[in-house]
C-alpha atoms as a PDB file:
ATOM      1  CA  MET A   1      74.761 123.325 108.806  1.00  0.00           C
ATOM      2  CA  ASN A   2      73.572 121.017 105.872  1.00  0.00           C
ATOM      3  CA  ASN A   3      72.401 117.627 107.099  1.00  0.00           C
ATOM      4  CA  HIS A   4      75.148 116.067 104.720  1.00  0.00           C
ATOM      5  CA  TYR A   5      77.879 117.239 106.807  1.00  0.00           C
ATOM      6  CA  GLN A   6      76.233 115.842 109.989  1.00  0.00           C
ATOM      7  CA  LYS A   7      75.825 112.541 108.426  1.00  0.00           C
ATOM      8  CA  LEU A   8      79.469 112.657 107.271  1.00  0.00           C
ATOM      9  CA  ALA A   9      80.746 113.648 110.703  1.00  0.00           C
ATOM     10  CA  ASP A  10      78.772 110.662 112.355  1.00  0.00           C
ATOM     11  CA  GLU A  11      80.356 108.397 109.874  1.00  0.00           C
ATOM     12  CA  LEU A  12      83.617 109.659 110.364  1.00  0.00           C
ATOM     13  CA  ASP A  13      83.093 109.149 114.167  1.00  0.00           C
ATOM     14  CA  GLN A  14      82.232 105.466 113.477  1.00  0.00           C
ATOM     15  CA  ILE A  15      85.919 105.260 112.390  1.00  0.00           C
ATOM     16  CA  PRO A  16      88.000 103.768 115.342  1.00  0.00           C
ATOM     17  CA  ASN A  17      90.198 106.891 115.189  1.00  0.00           C
ATOM     18  CA  GLY A  18      87.299 108.995 116.187  1.00  0.00           C
ATOM     19  CA  PHE A  19      85.660 112.221 115.116  1.00  0.00           C
ATOM     20  CA  PRO A  20      83.497 113.375 118.164  1.00  0.00           C
ATOM     21  CA  ARG A  21      80.804 115.801 117.661  1.00  0.00           C
ATOM     22  CA  THR A  22      80.554 119.242 119.489  1.00  0.00           C
ATOM     23  CA  GLU A  23      77.839 121.613 120.834  1.00  0.00           C
ATOM     24  CA  SER A  24      79.284 124.389 118.687  1.00  0.00           C
ATOM     25  CA  GLY A  25      79.270 122.355 115.535  1.00  0.00           C
ATOM     26  CA  VAL A  26      82.822 123.424 114.751  1.00  0.00           C
ATOM     27  CA  GLU A  27      83.539 120.062 113.316  1.00  0.00           C
ATOM     28  CA  LEU A  28      80.851 120.609 110.600  1.00  0.00           C
ATOM     29  CA  LYS A  29      82.597 123.867 109.623  1.00  0.00           C
ATOM     30  CA  LEU A  30      85.943 122.060 109.364  1.00  0.00           C
ATOM     31  CA  LEU A  31      84.282 119.527 106.869  1.00  0.00           C
ATOM     32  CA  ALA A  32      82.504 122.502 104.865  1.00  0.00           C
ATOM     33  CA  LYS A  33      86.097 123.879 104.298  1.00  0.00           C
ATOM     34  CA  LEU A  34      87.124 120.490 102.674  1.00  0.00           C
ATOM     35  CA  PHE A  35      83.914 119.062 101.165  1.00  0.00           C
ATOM     36  CA  THR A  36      81.306 120.646  98.897  1.00  0.00           C
ATOM     37  CA  THR A  37      77.842 119.865  99.943  1.00  0.00           C
ATOM     38  CA  GLU A  38      77.562 117.417  97.017  1.00  0.00           C
ATOM     39  CA  ASP A  39      80.797 115.811  97.813  1.00  0.00           C
ATOM     40  CA  ALA A  40      79.690 115.462 101.626  1.00  0.00           C
ATOM     41  CA  ALA A  41      76.577 113.826 100.494  1.00  0.00           C
ATOM     42  CA  ILE A  42      78.397 110.999  98.657  1.00  0.00           C
ATOM     43  CA  ALA A  43      81.334 110.860 101.240  1.00  0.00           C
ATOM     44  CA  SER A  44      78.637 110.300 103.931  1.00  0.00           C
ATOM     45  CA  THR A  45      77.620 106.970 102.117  1.00  0.00           C
ATOM     46  CA  LEU A  46      81.088 105.589 102.243  1.00  0.00           C
ATOM     47  CA  SER A  47      83.058 103.855 105.025  1.00  0.00           C
ATOM     48  CA  LEU A  48      86.384 102.241 105.685  1.00  0.00           C
ATOM     49  CA  VAL A  49      85.055  99.201 103.696  1.00  0.00           C
ATOM     50  CA  PRO A  50      85.761 100.039  99.910  1.00  0.00           C
ATOM     51  CA  LYS A  51      82.738 100.230  97.690  1.00  0.00           C
ATOM     52  CA  SER A  52      82.672  99.984  93.909  1.00  0.00           C
ATOM     53  CA  LEU A  53      81.698 102.851  91.575  1.00  0.00           C
ATOM     54  CA  LYS A  54      78.596 101.286  90.597  1.00  0.00           C
ATOM     55  CA  GLU A  55      77.512 100.631  94.322  1.00  0.00           C
ATOM     56  CA  ILE A  56      78.095 104.360  95.188  1.00  0.00           C
ATOM     57  CA  ALA A  57      76.291 105.562  92.269  1.00  0.00           C
ATOM     58  CA  GLU A  58      73.275 103.412  92.904  1.00  0.00           C
ATOM     59  CA  GLN A  59      73.206 104.463  96.560  1.00  0.00           C
ATOM     60  CA  ASN A  60      73.362 108.216  95.713  1.00  0.00           C
ATOM     61  CA  SER A  61      70.972 107.918  92.667  1.00  0.00           C
ATOM     62  CA  MET A  62      73.712 109.195  90.229  1.00  0.00           C
ATOM     63  CA  ASP A  63      75.040 107.942  86.947  1.00  0.00           C
ATOM     64  CA  GLU A  64      78.297 106.458  87.143  1.00  0.00           C
ATOM     65  CA  GLY A  65      80.016 109.185  85.192  1.00  0.00           C
ATOM     66  CA  GLU A  66      78.941 111.932  87.606  1.00  0.00           C
ATOM     67  CA  ALA A  67      79.818 109.901  90.630  1.00  0.00           C
ATOM     68  CA  LYS A  68      83.334 108.960  89.312  1.00  0.00           C
ATOM     69  CA  SER A  69      84.058 112.639  88.712  1.00  0.00           C
ATOM     70  CA  ARG A  70      83.048 113.671  92.156  1.00  0.00           C
ATOM     71  CA  LEU A  71      84.962 110.724  93.782  1.00  0.00           C
ATOM     72  CA  ILE A  72      88.208 111.330  91.771  1.00  0.00           C
ATOM     73  CA  GLY A  73      88.029 114.974  92.733  1.00  0.00           C
ATOM     74  CA  MET A  74      87.905 114.132  96.339  1.00  0.00           C
ATOM     75  CA  VAL A  75      90.728 111.545  95.908  1.00  0.00           C
ATOM     76  CA  LYS A  76      92.911 114.256  94.304  1.00  0.00           C
ATOM     77  CA  ARG A  77      92.017 116.597  97.342  1.00  0.00           C
ATOM     78  CA  GLY A  78      93.268 113.801  99.666  1.00  0.00           C
ATOM     79  CA  LEU A  79      89.678 113.232 101.199  1.00  0.00           C
ATOM     80  CA  ILE A  80      89.120 109.688 100.477  1.00  0.00           C
ATOM     81  CA  ASP A  81      90.996 106.639  99.120  1.00  0.00           C
ATOM     82  CA  LEU A  82      91.039 104.867  95.852  1.00  0.00           C
ATOM     83  CA  LYS A  83      92.407 101.417  94.789  1.00  0.00           C
ATOM     84  CA  ARG A  84      91.668  98.960  92.040  1.00  0.00           C
ATOM     85  CA  GLU A  85      90.378  95.459  92.937  1.00  0.00           C
ATOM     86  CA  GLU A  86      90.074  92.592  90.615  1.00  0.00           C
ATOM     87  CA  GLY A  87      86.886  91.960  89.415  1.00  0.00           C
ATOM     88  CA  ARG A  88      85.347  95.225  90.886  1.00  0.00           C
ATOM     89  CA  GLY A  89      87.521  97.942  89.248  1.00  0.00           C
ATOM     90  CA  PHE A  90      88.026 101.138  91.077  1.00  0.00           C
ATOM     91  CA  VAL A  91      86.832 101.114  94.723  1.00  0.00           C
ATOM     92  CA  PHE A  92      86.551 104.022  97.055  1.00  0.00           C
ATOM     93  CA  ASN A  93      86.723 104.253 100.846  1.00  0.00           C
ATOM     94  CA  LEU A  94      86.372 106.804 103.601  1.00  0.00           C
ATOM     95  CA  ILE A  95      89.557 107.665 105.650  1.00  0.00           C
ATOM     96  CA  PRO A  96      90.004 108.874 109.184  1.00  0.00           C
ATOM     97  CA  PHE A  97      90.352 112.581 109.974  1.00  0.00           C
ATOM     98  CA  VAL A  98      93.464 112.020 111.933  1.00  0.00           C
ATOM     99  CA  VAL A  99      95.629 110.376 110.925  1.00  0.00           C
ATOM    100  CA  GLY A 100      94.265 110.750 107.575  1.00  0.00           C
ATOM    101  CA  PHE A 101      92.739 113.497 105.338  1.00  0.00           C
ATOM    102  CA  TYR A 102      93.668 116.303 107.965  1.00  0.00           C
ATOM    103  CA  GLU A 103      97.484 115.537 107.194  1.00  0.00           C
ATOM    104  CA  ARG A 104      96.958 115.567 103.478  1.00  0.00           C
ATOM    105  CA  GLN A 105      95.851 119.358 103.733  1.00  0.00           C
ATOM    106  CA  ASN A 106      99.246 120.687 104.922  1.00  0.00           C
ATOM    107  CA  ALA A 107      99.881 122.408 101.692  1.00  0.00           C
ATOM    108  CA  LYS A 108      96.354 123.855 101.467  1.00  0.00           C
ATOM    109  CA  ILE A 109      95.720 124.748 105.192  1.00  0.00           C
ATOM    110  CA  ASP A 110      94.747 128.428 105.843  1.00  0.00           C
ATOM    111  CA  LYS A 111      94.464 130.593 108.937  1.00  0.00           C
ATOM    112  CA  GLU A 112      90.548 130.033 109.074  1.00  0.00           C
ATOM    113  CA  PHE A 113      90.952 126.190 108.852  1.00  0.00           C
ATOM    114  CA  ALA A 114      93.928 126.348 111.516  1.00  0.00           C
ATOM    115  CA  THR A 115      91.706 128.342 113.811  1.00  0.00           C
ATOM    116  CA  LEU A 116      88.809 125.983 113.486  1.00  0.00           C
ATOM    117  CA  PHE A 117      90.904 122.988 114.073  1.00  0.00           C
ATOM    118  CA  GLU A 118      92.283 124.610 117.179  1.00  0.00           C
ATOM    119  CA  GLN A 119      88.745 125.347 118.353  1.00  0.00           C
ATOM    120  CA  TYR A 120      87.823 121.677 117.593  1.00  0.00           C
ATOM    121  CA  TYR A 121      90.860 120.270 119.445  1.00  0.00           C
ATOM    122  CA  GLN A 122      90.212 122.258 122.544  1.00  0.00           C
ATOM    123  CA  GLU A 123      86.486 121.420 122.653  1.00  0.00           C
ATOM    124  CA  ARG A 124      86.410 117.792 121.877  1.00  0.00           C
ATOM    125  CA  PHE A 125      89.096 116.267 119.325  1.00  0.00           C
ATOM    126  CA  HIS A 126      91.753 116.118 122.180  1.00  0.00           C
ATOM    127  CA  GLU A 127      89.729 113.251 123.571  1.00  0.00           C
ATOM    128  CA  THR A 128      90.589 111.004 120.450  1.00  0.00           C
ATOM    129  CA  MET A 129      94.319 111.266 121.837  1.00  0.00           C
ATOM    130  CA  LEU A 130      93.181 109.763 125.135  1.00  0.00           C
ATOM    131  CA  SER A 131      91.598 106.598 123.772  1.00  0.00           C
ATOM    132  CA  GLN A 132      93.500 103.340 123.541  1.00  0.00           C
ATOM    133  CA  PRO A 133      95.490 102.184 121.894  1.00  0.00           C
ATOM    134  CA  SER A 134      97.329 105.450 121.215  1.00  0.00           C
ATOM    135  CA  VAL A 135      97.443 106.702 117.636  1.00  0.00           C
ATOM    136  CA  HIS A 136     101.203 106.947 117.712  1.00  0.00           C
ATOM    137  CA  ARG A 137     103.909 105.111 119.630  1.00  0.00           C
ATOM    138  CA  ILE A 138     107.633 106.368 120.356  1.00  0.00           C
ATOM    139  CA  ILE A 139     110.369 104.560 118.507  1.00  0.00           C
ATOM    140  CA  PRO A 140     113.811 105.356 120.279  1.00  0.00           C
ATOM    141  CA  LEU A 141     116.738 107.175 118.968  1.00  0.00           C
ATOM    142  CA  GLU A 142     118.479 104.299 117.200  1.00  0.00           C
ATOM    143  CA  LYS A 143     121.979 105.280 118.157  1.00  0.00           C
ATOM    144  CA  ALA A 144     120.751 105.087 121.833  1.00  0.00           C
ATOM    145  CA  ILE A 145     119.695 101.308 121.628  1.00  0.00           C
ATOM    146  CA  PRO A 146     122.391  99.072 123.037  1.00  0.00           C
ATOM    147  CA  VAL A 147     124.142  97.015 120.427  1.00  0.00           C
ATOM    148  CA  ASP A 148     124.224  93.770 122.620  1.00  0.00           C
ATOM    149  CA  ILE A 149     120.472  93.054 122.764  1.00  0.00           C
ATOM    150  CA  ASN A 150     117.982  91.730 120.265  1.00  0.00           C
ATOM    151  CA  VAL A 151     115.639  94.581 119.271  1.00  0.00           C
ATOM    152  CA  MET A 152     112.215  94.216 117.727  1.00  0.00           C
ATOM    153  CA  PRO A 153     112.234  95.341 114.138  1.00  0.00           C
ATOM    154  CA  TYR A 154     109.418  97.714 114.818  1.00  0.00           C
ATOM    155  CA  GLU A 155     111.576  99.544 117.331  1.00  0.00           C
ATOM    156  CA  LYS A 156     114.087 100.788 114.660  1.00  0.00           C
ATOM    157  CA  ALA A 157     113.404 103.662 112.044  1.00  0.00           C
ATOM    158  CA  SER A 158     116.215 101.904 109.840  1.00  0.00           C
ATOM    159  CA  THR A 159     113.698  98.941 109.521  1.00  0.00           C
ATOM    160  CA  TYR A 160     111.096 100.887 107.828  1.00  0.00           C
ATOM    161  CA  LEU A 161     113.654 102.991 105.772  1.00  0.00           C
ATOM    162  CA  ASP A 162     115.445  99.975 104.483  1.00  0.00           C
ATOM    163  CA  GLN A 163     112.265  98.219 103.362  1.00  0.00           C
ATOM    164  CA  ALA A 164     111.226 101.226 101.343  1.00  0.00           C
ATOM    165  CA  LYS A 165     111.748 101.884  97.872  1.00  0.00           C
ATOM    166  CA  SER A 166     110.883 105.743  97.894  1.00  0.00           C
ATOM    167  CA  TRP A 167     111.370 108.355 100.647  1.00  0.00           C
ATOM    168  CA  GLY A 168     110.072 111.876 100.893  1.00  0.00           C
ATOM    169  CA  VAL A 169     109.625 114.767 103.273  1.00  0.00           C
ATOM    170  CA  LEU A 170     106.774 117.068 103.789  1.00  0.00           C
ATOM    171  CA  ASP A 171     105.757 119.923 106.340  1.00  0.00           C
ATOM    172  CA  CYS A 172     104.639 118.927 109.789  1.00  0.00           C
ATOM    173  CA  ILE A 173     100.953 119.832 109.762  1.00  0.00           C
ATOM    174  CA  CYS A 174     100.888 120.408 113.486  1.00  0.00           C
ATOM    175  CA  ARG A 175     103.667 123.154 113.296  1.00  0.00           C
ATOM    176  CA  VAL A 176     101.847 124.660 110.335  1.00  0.00           C
ATOM    177  CA  GLN A 177      98.605 124.810 112.040  1.00  0.00           C
ATOM    178  CA  LYS A 178     100.132 126.271 115.273  1.00  0.00           C
ATOM    179  CA  ARG A 179     102.115 128.863 113.356  1.00  0.00           C
ATOM    180  CA  LEU A 180      99.045 130.061 111.439  1.00  0.00           C
ATOM    181  CA  ILE A 181      97.282 130.912 114.753  1.00  0.00           C
ATOM    182  CA  GLY A 182     100.249 132.588 116.030  1.00  0.00           C
ATOM    183  CA  GLN A 183     101.349 129.962 118.413  1.00  0.00           C
ATOM    184  CA  GLY A 184     104.267 128.463 116.343  1.00  0.00           C
ATOM    185  CA  CYS A 185     107.490 127.022 117.947  1.00  0.00           C
ATOM    186  CA  HIS A 186     111.151 127.268 116.586  1.00  0.00           C
ATOM    187  CA  HIS A 187     111.388 123.631 115.380  1.00  0.00           C
ATOM    188  CA  THR A 188     111.855 122.724 111.749  1.00  0.00           C
ATOM    189  CA  VAL A 189     108.496 122.552 109.872  1.00  0.00           C
ATOM    190  CA  GLU A 190     109.738 120.430 106.975  1.00  0.00           C
ATOM    191  CA  ASN A 191     110.755 117.025 108.708  1.00  0.00           C
ATOM    192  CA  CYS A 192     107.806 114.622 108.591  1.00  0.00           C
ATOM    193  CA  LEU A 193     109.237 111.510 106.776  1.00  0.00           C
ATOM    194  CA  VAL A 194     107.076 109.344 104.371  1.00  0.00           C
ATOM    195  CA  PHE A 195     108.164 106.272 102.554  1.00  0.00           C
ATOM    196  CA  SER A 196     106.695 103.838 100.176  1.00  0.00           C
ATOM    197  CA  PRO A 197     107.311 100.333  98.807  1.00  0.00           C
ATOM    198  CA  LYS A 198     106.764 101.705  95.337  1.00  0.00           C
ATOM    199  CA  PRO A 199     109.838 103.177  93.502  1.00  0.00           C
ATOM    200  CA  GLY A 200     109.511 106.860  92.357  1.00  0.00           C
ATOM    201  CA  ALA A 201     106.250 107.242  94.589  1.00  0.00           C
ATOM    202  CA  PHE A 202     106.786 110.953  95.397  1.00  0.00           C
ATOM    203  CA  GLU A 203     108.578 112.075  92.332  1.00  0.00           C
ATOM    204  CA  ARG A 204     105.494 113.801  90.906  1.00  0.00           C
ATOM    205  CA  SER A 205     104.147 115.086  94.325  1.00  0.00           C
ATOM    206  CA  GLU A 206     103.522 118.795  94.767  1.00  0.00           C
ATOM    207  CA  GLU A 207     103.454 118.511  98.498  1.00  0.00           C
ATOM    208  CA  ILE A 208     106.067 115.896  99.109  1.00  0.00           C
ATOM    209  CA  LYS A 209     109.802 116.431  98.456  1.00  0.00           C
ATOM    210  CA  SER A 210     111.458 113.356  97.100  1.00  0.00           C
ATOM    211  CA  LEU A 211     114.571 112.016  98.887  1.00  0.00           C
ATOM    212  CA  THR A 212     117.264 109.591  98.816  1.00  0.00           C
ATOM    213  CA  ARG A 213     117.580 107.095 101.787  1.00  0.00           C
ATOM    214  CA  GLU A 214     120.428 108.847 103.036  1.00  0.00           C
ATOM    215  CA  GLU A 215     118.748 112.273 103.013  1.00  0.00           C
ATOM    216  CA  ALA A 216     115.996 110.699 104.927  1.00  0.00           C
ATOM    217  CA  LEU A 217     118.507 109.399 107.618  1.00  0.00           C
ATOM    218  CA  GLU A 218     119.890 112.901 107.755  1.00  0.00           C
ATOM    219  CA  ILE A 219     116.601 114.448 108.571  1.00  0.00           C
ATOM    220  CA  LEU A 220     116.317 111.943 111.552  1.00  0.00           C
ATOM    221  CA  ALA A 221     119.745 112.986 112.638  1.00  0.00           C
ATOM    222  CA  GLU A 222     118.746 116.544 112.500  1.00  0.00           C
ATOM    223  CA  ALA A 223     115.600 115.755 114.479  1.00  0.00           C
ATOM    224  CA  ASP A 224     117.751 114.471 117.271  1.00  0.00           C
ATOM    225  CA  ARG A 225     119.881 117.622 117.235  1.00  0.00           C
ATOM    226  CA  GLU A 226     116.695 119.509 117.641  1.00  0.00           C
ATOM    227  CA  GLY A 227     115.613 117.346 120.505  1.00  0.00           C
ATOM    228  CA  LEU A 228     112.432 115.925 118.632  1.00  0.00           C
ATOM    229  CA  VAL A 229     110.802 112.675 119.321  1.00  0.00           C
ATOM    230  CA  HIS A 230     110.487 110.028 116.716  1.00  0.00           C
ATOM    231  CA  SER A 231     106.929 108.658 116.527  1.00  0.00           C
ATOM    232  CA  VAL A 232     104.985 106.355 114.166  1.00  0.00           C
ATOM    233  CA  ASN A 233     101.504 104.925 113.683  1.00  0.00           C
ATOM    234  CA  ASN A 234     100.951 102.402 116.508  1.00  0.00           C
ATOM    235  CA  ALA A 235     101.500  99.094 114.573  1.00  0.00           C
ATOM    236  CA  GLN A 236     104.222  96.574 113.880  1.00  0.00           C
ATOM    237  CA  THR A 237     103.897  96.667 110.129  1.00  0.00           C
ATOM    238  CA  GLU A 238     102.334  98.954 107.545  1.00  0.00           C
ATOM    239  CA  VAL A 239     104.329 101.922 108.926  1.00  0.00           C
ATOM    240  CA  TYR A 240     104.782 104.504 106.238  1.00  0.00           C
ATOM    241  CA  TYR A 241     105.894 107.568 107.995  1.00  0.00           C
ATOM    242  CA  VAL A 242     108.049 108.973 110.898  1.00  0.00           C
ATOM    243  CA  CYS A 243     106.913 112.099 112.715  1.00  0.00           C
ATOM    244  CA  ASN A 244     109.556 114.087 114.538  1.00  0.00           C
ATOM    245  CA  CYS A 245     107.379 115.511 117.308  1.00  0.00           C
ATOM    246  CA  CYS A 246     107.612 118.327 119.769  1.00  0.00           C
ATOM    247  CA  THR A 247     105.231 119.046 122.819  1.00  0.00           C
ATOM    248  CA  CYS A 248     104.875 122.476 121.635  1.00  0.00           C
ATOM    249  CA  SER A 249     102.797 121.704 118.589  1.00  0.00           C
ATOM    250  CA  CYS A 250     102.219 117.998 118.191  1.00  0.00           C
ATOM    251  CA  GLY A 251      98.455 117.162 118.445  1.00  0.00           C
ATOM    252  CA  VAL A 252      99.358 113.700 119.890  1.00  0.00           C
ATOM    253  CA  LEU A 253     101.927 115.027 122.567  1.00  0.00           C
ATOM    254  CA  ARG A 254      99.625 117.878 123.534  1.00  0.00           C
ATOM    255  CA  GLY A 255      97.136 115.238 124.798  1.00  0.00           C
ATOM    256  CA  MET A 256      99.750 114.489 127.421  1.00  0.00           C
ATOM    257  CA  VAL A 257     100.993 117.979 128.106  1.00  0.00           C
ATOM    258  CA  GLU A 258      97.662 119.973 128.016  1.00  0.00           C
ATOM    259  CA  TYR A 259      95.351 117.196 129.275  1.00  0.00           C
ATOM    260  CA  GLY A 260      97.510 115.148 131.421  1.00  0.00           C
ATOM    261  CA  SER A 261      97.096 111.705 129.666  1.00  0.00           C
ATOM    262  CA  GLU A 262     100.058 109.470 130.220  1.00  0.00           C
ATOM    263  CA  ASN A 263      98.725 107.305 127.273  1.00  0.00           C
ATOM    264  CA  SER A 264      98.243 109.778 124.672  1.00  0.00           C
ATOM    265  CA  ILE A 265     101.390 108.117 122.864  1.00  0.00           C
ATOM    266  CA  ALA A 266     102.573 104.508 123.301  1.00  0.00           C
ATOM    267  CA  ARG A 267     105.913 104.174 124.946  1.00  0.00           C
ATOM    268  CA  SER A 268     108.923 102.249 123.345  1.00  0.00           C
ATOM    269  CA  ASP A 269     110.347  98.880 124.848  1.00  0.00           C
ATOM    270  CA  PHE A 270     112.988 100.743 126.651  1.00  0.00           C
ATOM    271  CA  TYR A 271     113.604 103.187 129.525  1.00  0.00           C
ATOM    272  CA  ALA A 272     116.466 105.443 130.531  1.00  0.00           C
ATOM    273  CA  VAL A 273     118.778 104.490 133.513  1.00  0.00           C
ATOM    274  CA  VAL A 274     121.676 106.647 134.974  1.00  0.00           C
ATOM    275  CA  ASP A 275     125.084 105.658 136.312  1.00  0.00           C
ATOM    276  CA  PRO A 276     125.757 107.995 139.062  1.00  0.00           C
ATOM    277  CA  ASP A 277     129.483 107.333 139.051  1.00  0.00           C
ATOM    278  CA  LEU A 278     129.516 108.751 135.504  1.00  0.00           C
ATOM    279  CA  CYS A 279     127.013 111.603 136.030  1.00  0.00           C
ATOM    280  CA  SER A 280     128.673 115.184 136.047  1.00  0.00           C
ATOM    281  CA  GLY A 281     125.372 116.824 137.253  1.00  0.00           C
ATOM    282  CA  CYS A 282     125.245 119.004 134.028  1.00  0.00           C
ATOM    283  CA  GLU A 283     121.665 119.022 133.791  1.00  0.00           C
ATOM    284  CA  ALA A 284     121.667 118.890 129.950  1.00  0.00           C
ATOM    285  CA  CYS A 285     119.543 115.688 130.056  1.00  0.00           C
ATOM    286  CA  ILE A 286     116.719 117.751 132.132  1.00  0.00           C
ATOM    287  CA  GLU A 287     116.579 120.523 129.422  1.00  0.00           C
ATOM    288  CA  ARG A 288     116.423 117.812 126.728  1.00  0.00           C
ATOM    289  CA  CYS A 289     113.655 115.586 128.267  1.00  0.00           C
ATOM    290  CA  VAL A 290     110.446 116.403 126.628  1.00  0.00           C
ATOM    291  CA  PHE A 291     108.584 114.156 129.167  1.00  0.00           C
ATOM    292  CA  ASN A 292     109.810 115.684 132.379  1.00  0.00           C
ATOM    293  CA  ALA A 293     111.258 112.263 133.493  1.00  0.00           C
ATOM    294  CA  MET A 294     114.632 113.887 134.599  1.00  0.00           C
ATOM    295  CA  SER A 295     115.407 115.646 137.816  1.00  0.00           C
ATOM    296  CA  MET A 296     118.419 116.293 140.002  1.00  0.00           C
ATOM    297  CA  VAL A 297     118.813 114.716 143.480  1.00  0.00           C
ATOM    298  CA  ASP A 298     121.852 115.529 145.575  1.00  0.00           C
ATOM    299  CA  GLY A 299     123.811 116.735 142.427  1.00  0.00           C
ATOM    300  CA  PHE A 300     123.145 113.839 140.182  1.00  0.00           C
ATOM    301  CA  CYS A 301     120.617 113.121 137.565  1.00  0.00           C
ATOM    302  CA  GLU A 302     117.722 110.802 138.534  1.00  0.00           C
ATOM    303  CA  VAL A 303     115.413 109.237 136.152  1.00  0.00           C
ATOM    304  CA  ASP A 304     111.625 108.931 136.931  1.00  0.00           C
ATOM    305  CA  ARG A 305     110.880 105.538 135.295  1.00  0.00           C
ATOM    306  CA  ALA A 306     107.056 105.966 135.402  1.00  0.00           C
ATOM    307  CA  ALA A 307     107.551 109.249 133.322  1.00  0.00           C
ATOM    308  CA  CYS A 308     110.078 107.804 130.812  1.00  0.00           C
ATOM    309  CA  TYR A 309     108.806 107.022 127.346  1.00  0.00           C
ATOM    310  CA  GLY A 310     112.137 105.538 126.125  1.00  0.00           C
ATOM    311  CA  CYS A 311     112.824 108.009 123.436  1.00  0.00           C
ATOM    312  CA  GLY A 312     116.545 107.978 123.992  1.00  0.00           C
ATOM    313  CA  LEU A 313     117.024 111.891 123.446  1.00  0.00           C
ATOM    314  CA  CYS A 314     118.688 112.241 126.840  1.00  0.00           C
ATOM    315  CA  ILE A 315     121.442 109.444 125.888  1.00  0.00           C
ATOM    316  CA  SER A 316     122.505 111.517 122.741  1.00  0.00           C
ATOM    317  CA  THR A 317     123.117 114.536 124.863  1.00  0.00           C
ATOM    318  CA  CYS A 318     124.959 113.113 127.888  1.00  0.00           C
ATOM    319  CA  GLU A 319     128.566 113.876 127.318  1.00  0.00           C
ATOM    320  CA  THR A 320     129.734 111.492 130.063  1.00  0.00           C
ATOM    321  CA  GLU A 321     127.718 108.539 128.779  1.00  0.00           C
ATOM    322  CA  ALA A 322     126.117 108.394 132.230  1.00  0.00           C
ATOM    323  CA  LEU A 323     122.840 107.576 130.643  1.00  0.00           C
ATOM    324  CA  SER A 324     121.586 104.534 128.691  1.00  0.00           C
ATOM    325  CA  LEU A 325     118.481 102.731 127.554  1.00  0.00           C
ATOM    326  CA  VAL A 326     117.592  99.413 129.067  1.00  0.00           C
ATOM    327  CA  GLN A 327     115.126  97.080 127.410  1.00  0.00           C
ATOM    328  CA  LYS A 328     112.122  96.196 129.560  1.00  0.00           C
ATOM    329  CA  SER A 329     111.340  92.815 130.957  1.00  0.00           C
ATOM    330  CA  GLN A 330     109.496  90.377 129.109  1.00  0.00           C
ATOM    331  CA  GLU A 331     106.616  90.818 131.532  1.00  0.00           C
ATOM    332  CA  GLU A 332     106.543  94.567 131.028  1.00  0.00           C
ATOM    333  CA  LEU A 333     106.663  94.444 127.234  1.00  0.00           C
ATOM    334  CA  ALA A 334     103.536  95.409 125.386  1.00  0.00           C
ATOM    335  CA  PRO A 335     103.983  94.885 121.550  1.00  0.00           C
ATOM    336  CA  PRO A 336     101.978  97.204 119.311  1.00  0.00           C
ATOM    337  CA  PRO A 337      99.121  95.765 117.269  1.00  0.00           C
ATOM    338  CA  ALA A 338     100.409  93.620 114.314  1.00  0.00           C
ATOM    339  CA  ASP A 339      99.151  95.948 111.484  1.00  0.00           C
ATOM    340  CA  ASP A 340      96.378  98.756 111.116  1.00  0.00           C
ATOM    341  CA  GLU A 341      93.609  96.416 110.901  1.00  0.00           C
ATOM    342  CA  ALA A 342      94.472  94.879 114.358  1.00  0.00           C
ATOM    343  CA  TRP A 343      94.788  98.352 115.752  1.00  0.00           C
ATOM    344  CA  ARG A 344      91.446  99.371 114.509  1.00  0.00           C
ATOM    345  CA  ARG A 345      89.747  96.303 116.114  1.00  0.00           C
ATOM    346  CA  VAL A 346      91.262  97.052 119.536  1.00  0.00           C
ATOM    347  CA  ARG A 347      90.492 100.719 119.264  1.00  0.00           C
ATOM    348  CA  ALA A 348      86.936 100.112 117.993  1.00  0.00           C
ATOM    349  CA  ALA A 349      86.439  98.009 121.068  1.00  0.00           C
ATOM    350  CA  SER A 350      87.706 100.578 123.418  1.00  0.00           C
ATOM    351  CA  ARG A 351      85.280 103.111 122.023  1.00  0.00           C
ATOM    352  CA  ASN A 352      82.326 100.633 121.946  1.00  0.00           C
ATOM    353  CA  ARG A 353      82.035 100.964 118.077  1.00  0.00           C
END
């Protein structure tokens, strides 16, 4: 495989999210599906720190016109990011594989790419779901949160939806990938929510269906009815999406299910408790719990607190209201990093980057 792909892979692995190398080189085949050789050469000279067009052109011994054409092409394909900085003009930066340019391929992914991703996930990429802090964190089902307690804003999906000016939905890349390799589940595909502080952000998008706030809330409600777990990027702010995850297909939750990592996803500030006087022993919560935290003891539901992630799905299915969420003690609370930059600093330290 061309050295430019190897250099790009190494650069991507320097990003705290991770892009581990394999003996088979399958990760290079993935990159070759997305980047031309010429684009990989330019992308391999980028990093998370934005560079100006002039800097990139000089580093790659290109004229600025050619460099700009290739860079804009990669931006349009969702492979790198672009923004304008005062005094520097357009600047470009590398973005992670996950969460990053992989998710932006959901309208373009084919069976070959899906197969390569699965091979990569099984060989090495699942390891990125085991590093700390977790890529994603659980946010509880909002109607399951007790009304008489103070809840941190980052624990409520409505916080993000209320702050947004645009809302949209797109296909879940995880379910698309699994279906393409013949391992799809029955859950809805079009239910990954995205939002933006900019009005009309998704109106011209070919991949994202523009929604109203009310339609976005209905997608969250439908996810609850399907027994899907709400998760977001693991930060208090700069949250611009809500995934509705299943253990069948979700790349993050598969780290827990297939590889036994209890830390593949960060827990919410809550855990479920049961009132045995109200429990009817119907076992609906056992079927509902994706974390296998529920069991029947002497005819009543019992919660394994160590296995509970505080998603609240069991509460919404309990007809006798025997289950409820309880907020953890102050000593137990572990707030997520303040923002993406804080997350990257902690993650880089944990990976010795």
